[in-house]
Amino acid sequence: MQGLKQYGALLLAVVLFASCHTQRTIFMAGDSTSEYATQEKKGYIRGWAQMLPQFLNDDVKMDIRSRGGRSTKSFIAEGIWDKLIADVKKGDYVFIQFGHNDASKKPERHASYADYRANLIRMINDVRAKGATPVLLTSMVQRTFKDRLLVDDRLKGYPGIMRRLAKEMDVLLIDCHQKTRDFVVTIGDEASIPYYRYLGPGIDPFKPDGIADDTHMMEKGARRVAAFVAEGMLELDNRLSKYVVEEKVLEELGDVYSKFE
């Protein structure tokens, strides 16, 4: 009888622990720079969000809904956002990173500054209505050099709009644009090339003639950006830092910090 009581108490403790230890989900809404890309479907291109779990613990999981070529406008218009928000649960997080395609001249993608702001406000409010936490991420820098100086003008004012909106609506912000810009400026033109999708002819079947892509990254660059995002999570105190394995972040970014020593 005593053994049954002990077993019952143990079982109750396990159930209580499980109920208190709920794995959270980070949903990812964004474009091709954060999408999940495989060798079979995309070749050598990789999105940073698929690398982020390398720096996280088991208390959180990623659900990547990012799609290549999407802006805040097309992500909403195509119903991708509605499908994402329908799956969000209380206590989850939704990472939101757009800007590259909002700046596009293509009418199905382009969002004016006012529309970009309005679309982000809708996303923020939708996430909060589900009892979840929105997290804004400015777009990663485009490796645009002129006379060996970084000239990041293709993103225009979109990162600035997102920063201001984060302050106005008290939304968590990871300034991925500033972090990646600082990194590229620090290491310079030539040294930053291997982090982006630069390939010679005959290497990637999806780009048989080769490619010099200053926007997208391969595995090395995507992992580096993911580490910067994880660093940003650490900087958000206990709200997101509890999910990050700090040692792995420091290991990945050690060469960056050593340049300042």
C-alpha atoms as a PDB file:
ATOM      1  CA  MET A   1       0.000   0.000   0.000  1.00  0.00           C
ATOM      2  CA  GLN A   2       2.845   2.334   0.863  1.00  0.00           C
ATOM      3  CA  GLY A   3       4.417   1.565  -2.504  1.00  0.00           C
ATOM      4  CA  LEU A   4       1.226   2.555  -4.313  1.00  0.00           C
ATOM      5  CA  LYS A   5       1.085   5.859  -2.449  1.00  0.00           C
ATOM      6  CA  GLN A   6       4.682   6.614  -3.378  1.00  0.00           C
ATOM      7  CA  TYR A   7       4.008   5.725  -7.006  1.00  0.00           C
ATOM      8  CA  GLY A   8       0.929   7.959  -7.003  1.00  0.00           C
ATOM      9  CA  ALA A   9       2.884  10.870  -5.544  1.00  0.00           C
ATOM     10  CA  LEU A  10       5.617  10.399  -8.154  1.00  0.00           C
ATOM     11  CA  LEU A  11       3.091  10.281 -10.970  1.00  0.00           C
ATOM     12  CA  LEU A  12       1.430  13.456  -9.707  1.00  0.00           C
ATOM     13  CA  ALA A  13       4.795  15.216  -9.555  1.00  0.00           C
ATOM     14  CA  VAL A  14       5.560  14.213 -13.159  1.00  0.00           C
ATOM     15  CA  VAL A  15       2.184  15.500 -14.350  1.00  0.00           C
ATOM     16  CA  LEU A  16       2.597  18.798 -12.493  1.00  0.00           C
ATOM     17  CA  PHE A  17       6.098  19.258 -13.897  1.00  0.00           C
ATOM     18  CA  ALA A  18       4.888  18.573 -17.428  1.00  0.00           C
ATOM     19  CA  SER A  19       2.065  21.061 -17.073  1.00  0.00           C
ATOM     20  CA  CYS A  20       4.456  23.753 -15.840  1.00  0.00           C
ATOM     21  CA  HIS A  21       7.148  22.964 -18.400  1.00  0.00           C
ATOM     22  CA  THR A  22       5.414  23.781 -21.663  1.00  0.00           C
ATOM     23  CA  GLN A  23       7.589  24.023 -24.735  1.00  0.00           C
ATOM     24  CA  ARG A  24       7.057  27.374 -26.409  1.00  0.00           C
ATOM     25  CA  THR A  25       7.025  27.971 -30.148  1.00  0.00           C
ATOM     26  CA  ILE A  26       8.741  30.739 -32.076  1.00  0.00           C
ATOM     27  CA  PHE A  27       6.823  31.363 -35.278  1.00  0.00           C
ATOM     28  CA  MET A  28       8.809  33.024 -38.031  1.00  0.00           C
ATOM     29  CA  ALA A  29       7.143  35.424 -40.468  1.00  0.00           C
ATOM     30  CA  GLY A  30       9.458  36.813 -43.096  1.00  0.00           C
ATOM     31  CA  ASP A  31      11.003  36.550 -46.559  1.00  0.00           C
ATOM     32  CA  SER A  32      13.681  34.401 -48.209  1.00  0.00           C
ATOM     33  CA  THR A  33      16.427  35.607 -45.854  1.00  0.00           C
ATOM     34  CA  SER A  34      14.721  33.735 -42.996  1.00  0.00           C
ATOM     35  CA  GLU A  35      12.908  30.908 -44.797  1.00  0.00           C
ATOM     36  CA  TYR A  36      13.659  27.180 -44.463  1.00  0.00           C
ATOM     37  CA  ALA A  37      15.659  26.196 -47.549  1.00  0.00           C
ATOM     38  CA  THR A  38      16.883  22.735 -48.522  1.00  0.00           C
ATOM     39  CA  GLN A  39      19.556  21.677 -50.991  1.00  0.00           C
ATOM     40  CA  GLU A  40      16.961  19.819 -53.076  1.00  0.00           C
ATOM     41  CA  LYS A  41      14.601  22.787 -53.463  1.00  0.00           C
ATOM     42  CA  LYS A  42      16.836  25.843 -53.193  1.00  0.00           C
ATOM     43  CA  GLY A  43      20.417  24.775 -53.757  1.00  0.00           C
ATOM     44  CA  TYR A  44      23.035  26.439 -51.545  1.00  0.00           C
ATOM     45  CA  ILE A  45      20.889  29.287 -50.214  1.00  0.00           C
ATOM     46  CA  ARG A  46      19.976  29.111 -46.516  1.00  0.00           C
ATOM     47  CA  GLY A  47      17.765  31.201 -44.266  1.00  0.00           C
ATOM     48  CA  TRP A  48      19.025  32.250 -40.848  1.00  0.00           C
ATOM     49  CA  ALA A  49      15.904  31.030 -39.010  1.00  0.00           C
ATOM     50  CA  GLN A  50      16.673  27.403 -39.867  1.00  0.00           C
ATOM     51  CA  MET A  51      20.052  27.859 -38.167  1.00  0.00           C
ATOM     52  CA  LEU A  52      18.673  29.529 -35.039  1.00  0.00           C
ATOM     53  CA  PRO A  53      17.845  26.256 -33.203  1.00  0.00           C
ATOM     54  CA  GLN A  54      21.611  25.589 -33.053  1.00  0.00           C
ATOM     55  CA  PHE A  55      21.756  28.335 -30.417  1.00  0.00           C
ATOM     56  CA  LEU A  56      18.567  27.489 -28.501  1.00  0.00           C
ATOM     57  CA  ASN A  57      17.664  24.992 -25.798  1.00  0.00           C
ATOM     58  CA  ASP A  58      14.858  22.437 -25.847  1.00  0.00           C
ATOM     59  CA  ASP A  59      12.377  24.759 -24.116  1.00  0.00           C
ATOM     60  CA  VAL A  60      11.507  26.353 -27.441  1.00  0.00           C
ATOM     61  CA  LYS A  61      10.994  25.182 -31.019  1.00  0.00           C
ATOM     62  CA  MET A  62      10.905  26.967 -34.380  1.00  0.00           C
ATOM     63  CA  ASP A  63       7.966  27.028 -36.773  1.00  0.00           C
ATOM     64  CA  ILE A  64       9.194  28.794 -39.895  1.00  0.00           C
ATOM     65  CA  ARG A  65       6.495  30.269 -42.125  1.00  0.00           C
ATOM     66  CA  SER A  66       8.732  32.671 -44.054  1.00  0.00           C
ATOM     67  CA  ARG A  67       8.375  32.669 -47.837  1.00  0.00           C
ATOM     68  CA  GLY A  68      10.731  33.938 -50.490  1.00  0.00           C
ATOM     69  CA  GLY A  69       9.723  37.112 -52.281  1.00  0.00           C
ATOM     70  CA  ARG A  70       7.146  38.168 -49.699  1.00  0.00           C
ATOM     71  CA  SER A  71       6.621  41.543 -48.139  1.00  0.00           C
ATOM     72  CA  THR A  72       4.245  42.542 -45.369  1.00  0.00           C
ATOM     73  CA  LYS A  73       1.761  43.287 -48.161  1.00  0.00           C
ATOM     74  CA  SER A  74       1.929  39.955 -50.017  1.00  0.00           C
ATOM     75  CA  PHE A  75       2.369  37.871 -46.843  1.00  0.00           C
ATOM     76  CA  ILE A  76      -1.007  39.178 -45.681  1.00  0.00           C
ATOM     77  CA  ALA A  77      -2.694  39.272 -49.108  1.00  0.00           C
ATOM     78  CA  GLU A  78      -1.859  35.628 -49.849  1.00  0.00           C
ATOM     79  CA  GLY A  79      -3.315  34.440 -46.543  1.00  0.00           C
ATOM     80  CA  ILE A  80       0.021  33.215 -45.160  1.00  0.00           C
ATOM     81  CA  TRP A  81      -0.317  35.476 -42.134  1.00  0.00           C
ATOM     82  CA  ASP A  82      -3.854  34.294 -41.333  1.00  0.00           C
ATOM     83  CA  LYS A  83      -2.723  30.657 -41.402  1.00  0.00           C
ATOM     84  CA  LEU A  84       0.195  31.466 -39.121  1.00  0.00           C
ATOM     85  CA  ILE A  85      -1.810  33.414 -36.559  1.00  0.00           C
ATOM     86  CA  ALA A  86      -4.454  30.669 -36.435  1.00  0.00           C
ATOM     87  CA  ASP A  87      -1.809  28.286 -35.058  1.00  0.00           C
ATOM     88  CA  VAL A  88      -0.351  30.663 -32.478  1.00  0.00           C
ATOM     89  CA  LYS A  89      -1.037  29.771 -28.847  1.00  0.00           C
ATOM     90  CA  LYS A  90      -0.874  31.789 -25.653  1.00  0.00           C
ATOM     91  CA  GLY A  91       2.735  32.095 -24.505  1.00  0.00           C
ATOM     92  CA  ASP A  92       4.231  31.651 -27.983  1.00  0.00           C
ATOM     93  CA  TYR A  93       6.427  34.159 -29.810  1.00  0.00           C
ATOM     94  CA  VAL A  94       6.084  35.486 -33.343  1.00  0.00           C
ATOM     95  CA  PHE A  95       9.236  36.851 -34.974  1.00  0.00           C
ATOM     96  CA  ILE A  96       8.403  39.357 -37.732  1.00  0.00           C
ATOM     97  CA  GLN A  97      11.063  40.407 -40.241  1.00  0.00           C
ATOM     98  CA  PHE A  98      10.167  42.195 -43.477  1.00  0.00           C
ATOM     99  CA  GLY A  99      11.615  45.050 -45.496  1.00  0.00           C
ATOM    100  CA  HIS A 100      13.571  43.733 -48.493  1.00  0.00           C
ATOM    101  CA  ASN A 101      10.496  43.089 -50.616  1.00  0.00           C
ATOM    102  CA  ASP A 102       8.476  45.963 -49.194  1.00  0.00           C
ATOM    103  CA  ALA A 103      11.128  48.148 -50.817  1.00  0.00           C
ATOM    104  CA  SER A 104      10.679  46.362 -54.154  1.00  0.00           C
ATOM    105  CA  LYS A 105       9.230  48.185 -57.159  1.00  0.00           C
ATOM    106  CA  LYS A 106       7.069  45.180 -58.042  1.00  0.00           C
ATOM    107  CA  PRO A 107       3.466  46.240 -57.369  1.00  0.00           C
ATOM    108  CA  GLU A 108       2.435  42.929 -55.812  1.00  0.00           C
ATOM    109  CA  ARG A 109       5.245  43.283 -53.266  1.00  0.00           C
ATOM    110  CA  HIS A 110       5.786  46.995 -52.721  1.00  0.00           C
ATOM    111  CA  ALA A 111       4.416  48.536 -49.559  1.00  0.00           C
ATOM    112  CA  SER A 112       4.684  52.265 -49.026  1.00  0.00           C
ATOM    113  CA  TYR A 113       6.127  53.449 -45.741  1.00  0.00           C
ATOM    114  CA  ALA A 114       2.601  54.097 -44.465  1.00  0.00           C
ATOM    115  CA  ASP A 115       1.351  50.676 -45.582  1.00  0.00           C
ATOM    116  CA  TYR A 116       4.418  48.937 -44.154  1.00  0.00           C
ATOM    117  CA  ARG A 117       3.765  50.556 -40.792  1.00  0.00           C
ATOM    118  CA  ALA A 118       0.043  49.701 -40.941  1.00  0.00           C
ATOM    119  CA  ASN A 119       0.777  46.072 -41.858  1.00  0.00           C
ATOM    120  CA  LEU A 120       3.213  45.711 -38.957  1.00  0.00           C
ATOM    121  CA  ILE A 121       0.676  47.232 -36.568  1.00  0.00           C
ATOM    122  CA  ARG A 122      -1.901  44.687 -37.709  1.00  0.00           C
ATOM    123  CA  MET A 123       0.560  41.836 -37.156  1.00  0.00           C
ATOM    124  CA  ILE A 124       1.517  43.095 -33.699  1.00  0.00           C
ATOM    125  CA  ASN A 125      -2.104  43.450 -32.621  1.00  0.00           C
ATOM    126  CA  ASP A 126      -3.053  40.032 -34.028  1.00  0.00           C
ATOM    127  CA  VAL A 127      -0.246  38.352 -32.064  1.00  0.00           C
ATOM    128  CA  ARG A 128      -1.128  40.121 -28.832  1.00  0.00           C
ATOM    129  CA  ALA A 129      -4.796  39.193 -29.275  1.00  0.00           C
ATOM    130  CA  LYS A 130      -3.716  35.533 -29.115  1.00  0.00           C
ATOM    131  CA  GLY A 131      -1.874  36.076 -25.836  1.00  0.00           C
ATOM    132  CA  ALA A 132       1.466  35.682 -27.605  1.00  0.00           C
ATOM    133  CA  THR A 133       4.488  37.975 -27.856  1.00  0.00           C
ATOM    134  CA  PRO A 134       5.453  39.755 -31.086  1.00  0.00           C
ATOM    135  CA  VAL A 135       9.149  40.359 -31.731  1.00  0.00           C
ATOM    136  CA  LEU A 136      10.214  42.728 -34.509  1.00  0.00           C
ATOM    137  CA  LEU A 137      13.477  42.143 -36.369  1.00  0.00           C
ATOM    138  CA  THR A 138      14.937  44.689 -38.757  1.00  0.00           C
ATOM    139  CA  SER A 139      16.123  43.213 -42.066  1.00  0.00           C
ATOM    140  CA  MET A 140      19.683  41.968 -42.407  1.00  0.00           C
ATOM    141  CA  VAL A 141      22.069  44.258 -44.258  1.00  0.00           C
ATOM    142  CA  GLN A 142      22.627  43.939 -47.983  1.00  0.00           C
ATOM    143  CA  ARG A 143      26.299  43.755 -48.882  1.00  0.00           C
ATOM    144  CA  THR A 144      26.317  46.839 -51.106  1.00  0.00           C
ATOM    145  CA  PHE A 145      29.852  48.230 -51.434  1.00  0.00           C
ATOM    146  CA  LYS A 146      31.069  51.208 -53.429  1.00  0.00           C
ATOM    147  CA  ASP A 147      34.717  52.207 -53.440  1.00  0.00           C
ATOM    148  CA  ARG A 148      35.247  49.670 -50.631  1.00  0.00           C
ATOM    149  CA  LEU A 149      32.677  51.413 -48.418  1.00  0.00           C
ATOM    150  CA  LEU A 150      29.397  49.826 -47.389  1.00  0.00           C
ATOM    151  CA  VAL A 151      26.461  51.693 -48.901  1.00  0.00           C
ATOM    152  CA  ASP A 152      23.290  50.060 -47.623  1.00  0.00           C
ATOM    153  CA  ASP A 153      20.676  52.099 -49.453  1.00  0.00           C
ATOM    154  CA  ARG A 154      18.397  49.425 -50.925  1.00  0.00           C
ATOM    155  CA  LEU A 155      16.457  48.963 -47.690  1.00  0.00           C
ATOM    156  CA  LYS A 156      15.689  52.661 -47.609  1.00  0.00           C
ATOM    157  CA  GLY A 157      13.725  53.767 -44.503  1.00  0.00           C
ATOM    158  CA  TYR A 158      12.116  50.442 -43.616  1.00  0.00           C
ATOM    159  CA  PRO A 159      14.481  49.487 -40.754  1.00  0.00           C
ATOM    160  CA  GLY A 160      14.006  52.942 -39.231  1.00  0.00           C
ATOM    161  CA  ILE A 161      10.217  52.627 -39.401  1.00  0.00           C
ATOM    162  CA  MET A 162      10.366  49.301 -37.599  1.00  0.00           C
ATOM    163  CA  ARG A 163      12.632  50.685 -34.871  1.00  0.00           C
ATOM    164  CA  ARG A 164      10.320  53.626 -34.218  1.00  0.00           C
ATOM    165  CA  LEU A 165       7.230  51.427 -34.201  1.00  0.00           C
ATOM    166  CA  ALA A 166       8.828  49.076 -31.677  1.00  0.00           C
ATOM    167  CA  LYS A 167       9.296  52.008 -29.296  1.00  0.00           C
ATOM    168  CA  GLU A 168       5.818  53.417 -29.882  1.00  0.00           C
ATOM    169  CA  MET A 169       4.045  50.094 -29.289  1.00  0.00           C
ATOM    170  CA  ASP A 170       6.469  48.727 -26.688  1.00  0.00           C
ATOM    171  CA  VAL A 171       7.387  45.730 -28.831  1.00  0.00           C
ATOM    172  CA  LEU A 172      10.525  43.639 -28.355  1.00  0.00           C
ATOM    173  CA  LEU A 173      13.072  44.474 -31.058  1.00  0.00           C
ATOM    174  CA  ILE A 174      16.145  42.679 -32.338  1.00  0.00           C
ATOM    175  CA  ASP A 175      18.070  45.093 -34.540  1.00  0.00           C
ATOM    176  CA  CYS A 176      19.368  42.552 -37.015  1.00  0.00           C
ATOM    177  CA  HIS A 177      20.102  45.278 -39.545  1.00  0.00           C
ATOM    178  CA  GLN A 178      22.432  47.134 -37.182  1.00  0.00           C
ATOM    179  CA  LYS A 179      24.165  43.966 -36.000  1.00  0.00           C
ATOM    180  CA  THR A 180      24.820  42.629 -39.493  1.00  0.00           C
ATOM    181  CA  ARG A 181      25.800  46.061 -40.779  1.00  0.00           C
ATOM    182  CA  ASP A 182      28.344  46.483 -37.983  1.00  0.00           C
ATOM    183  CA  PHE A 183      29.711  43.040 -38.771  1.00  0.00           C
ATOM    184  CA  VAL A 184      30.111  43.657 -42.498  1.00  0.00           C
ATOM    185  CA  VAL A 185      31.665  47.083 -41.915  1.00  0.00           C
ATOM    186  CA  THR A 186      34.109  45.599 -39.403  1.00  0.00           C
ATOM    187  CA  ILE A 187      35.413  42.796 -41.624  1.00  0.00           C
ATOM    188  CA  GLY A 188      35.195  44.755 -44.882  1.00  0.00           C
ATOM    189  CA  ASP A 189      34.338  44.128 -48.518  1.00  0.00           C
ATOM    190  CA  GLU A 190      36.404  41.087 -49.472  1.00  0.00           C
ATOM    191  CA  ALA A 191      36.177  39.300 -46.133  1.00  0.00           C
ATOM    192  CA  SER A 192      32.386  39.546 -46.081  1.00  0.00           C
ATOM    193  CA  ILE A 193      31.897  37.845 -49.461  1.00  0.00           C
ATOM    194  CA  PRO A 194      32.098  34.238 -48.125  1.00  0.00           C
ATOM    195  CA  TYR A 195      29.139  34.943 -45.830  1.00  0.00           C
ATOM    196  CA  TYR A 196      26.866  35.717 -48.786  1.00  0.00           C
ATOM    197  CA  ARG A 197      25.782  33.650 -51.788  1.00  0.00           C
ATOM    198  CA  TYR A 198      28.783  34.014 -54.036  1.00  0.00           C
ATOM    199  CA  LEU A 199      29.265  30.986 -56.275  1.00  0.00           C
ATOM    200  CA  GLY A 200      31.225  30.242 -59.405  1.00  0.00           C
ATOM    201  CA  PRO A 201      29.760  28.473 -62.456  1.00  0.00           C
ATOM    202  CA  GLY A 202      28.842  24.791 -62.199  1.00  0.00           C
ATOM    203  CA  ILE A 203      28.557  24.607 -58.391  1.00  0.00           C
ATOM    204  CA  ASP A 204      24.871  25.156 -57.676  1.00  0.00           C
ATOM    205  CA  PRO A 205      22.432  23.504 -60.145  1.00  0.00           C
ATOM    206  CA  PHE A 206      19.917  26.244 -59.364  1.00  0.00           C
ATOM    207  CA  LYS A 207      22.467  28.871 -60.462  1.00  0.00           C
ATOM    208  CA  PRO A 208      24.508  27.013 -63.124  1.00  0.00           C
ATOM    209  CA  ASP A 209      26.171  30.203 -64.372  1.00  0.00           C
ATOM    210  CA  GLY A 210      27.199  31.206 -60.856  1.00  0.00           C
ATOM    211  CA  ILE A 211      25.905  34.089 -58.798  1.00  0.00           C
ATOM    212  CA  ALA A 212      27.097  37.131 -56.858  1.00  0.00           C
ATOM    213  CA  ASP A 213      24.244  37.708 -54.413  1.00  0.00           C
ATOM    214  CA  ASP A 214      24.642  40.508 -51.869  1.00  0.00           C
ATOM    215  CA  THR A 215      21.314  39.824 -50.150  1.00  0.00           C
ATOM    216  CA  HIS A 216      21.038  36.093 -49.454  1.00  0.00           C
ATOM    217  CA  MET A 217      23.393  33.826 -47.582  1.00  0.00           C
ATOM    218  CA  MET A 218      24.628  30.267 -47.592  1.00  0.00           C
ATOM    219  CA  GLU A 219      25.158  28.138 -44.491  1.00  0.00           C
ATOM    220  CA  LYS A 220      28.138  30.046 -43.101  1.00  0.00           C
ATOM    221  CA  GLY A 221      26.425  33.414 -43.351  1.00  0.00           C
ATOM    222  CA  ALA A 222      23.021  32.159 -42.218  1.00  0.00           C
ATOM    223  CA  ARG A 223      24.586  30.631 -39.107  1.00  0.00           C
ATOM    224  CA  ARG A 224      26.352  33.908 -38.345  1.00  0.00           C
ATOM    225  CA  VAL A 225      23.124  35.910 -38.666  1.00  0.00           C
ATOM    226  CA  ALA A 226      21.319  33.359 -36.486  1.00  0.00           C
ATOM    227  CA  ALA A 227      23.986  33.894 -33.827  1.00  0.00           C
ATOM    228  CA  PHE A 228      23.385  37.649 -33.990  1.00  0.00           C
ATOM    229  CA  VAL A 229      19.655  37.050 -33.527  1.00  0.00           C
ATOM    230  CA  ALA A 230      20.374  34.767 -30.572  1.00  0.00           C
ATOM    231  CA  GLU A 231      22.630  37.491 -29.165  1.00  0.00           C
ATOM    232  CA  GLY A 232      19.713  39.883 -29.538  1.00  0.00           C
ATOM    233  CA  MET A 233      17.538  37.433 -27.613  1.00  0.00           C
ATOM    234  CA  LEU A 234      20.101  37.427 -24.809  1.00  0.00           C
ATOM    235  CA  GLU A 235      19.974  41.206 -24.693  1.00  0.00           C
ATOM    236  CA  LEU A 236      16.222  41.077 -24.095  1.00  0.00           C
ATOM    237  CA  ASP A 237      16.834  39.912 -20.527  1.00  0.00           C
ATOM    238  CA  ASN A 238      14.757  37.013 -19.241  1.00  0.00           C
ATOM    239  CA  ARG A 239      11.970  37.403 -21.781  1.00  0.00           C
ATOM    240  CA  LEU A 240      13.878  35.533 -24.477  1.00  0.00           C
ATOM    241  CA  SER A 241      17.351  34.990 -23.035  1.00  0.00           C
ATOM    242  CA  LYS A 242      16.168  31.926 -21.108  1.00  0.00           C
ATOM    243  CA  TYR A 243      15.906  30.025 -24.386  1.00  0.00           C
ATOM    244  CA  VAL A 244      19.445  30.775 -25.585  1.00  0.00           C
ATOM    245  CA  VAL A 245      22.568  28.684 -25.020  1.00  0.00           C
ATOM    246  CA  GLU A 246      24.980  31.556 -24.449  1.00  0.00           C
ATOM    247  CA  GLU A 247      28.137  29.462 -24.793  1.00  0.00           C
ATOM    248  CA  LYS A 248      27.215  28.503 -28.359  1.00  0.00           C
ATOM    249  CA  VAL A 249      26.577  32.120 -29.279  1.00  0.00           C
ATOM    250  CA  LEU A 250      29.949  33.203 -27.881  1.00  0.00           C
ATOM    251  CA  GLU A 251      31.647  30.361 -29.704  1.00  0.00           C
ATOM    252  CA  GLU A 252      30.170  31.462 -33.045  1.00  0.00           C
ATOM    253  CA  LEU A 253      30.806  35.181 -32.527  1.00  0.00           C
ATOM    254  CA  GLY A 254      34.197  34.928 -30.850  1.00  0.00           C
ATOM    255  CA  ASP A 255      36.087  36.060 -33.939  1.00  0.00           C
ATOM    256  CA  VAL A 256      33.897  39.170 -34.181  1.00  0.00           C
ATOM    257  CA  TYR A 257      34.601  40.294 -30.648  1.00  0.00           C
ATOM    258  CA  SER A 258      38.331  39.543 -30.920  1.00  0.00           C
ATOM    259  CA  LYS A 259      38.657  42.299 -33.541  1.00  0.00           C
ATOM    260  CA  PHE A 260      37.820  44.873 -30.868  1.00  0.00           C
ATOM    261  CA  GLU A 261      40.343  43.589 -28.314  1.00  0.00           C
END
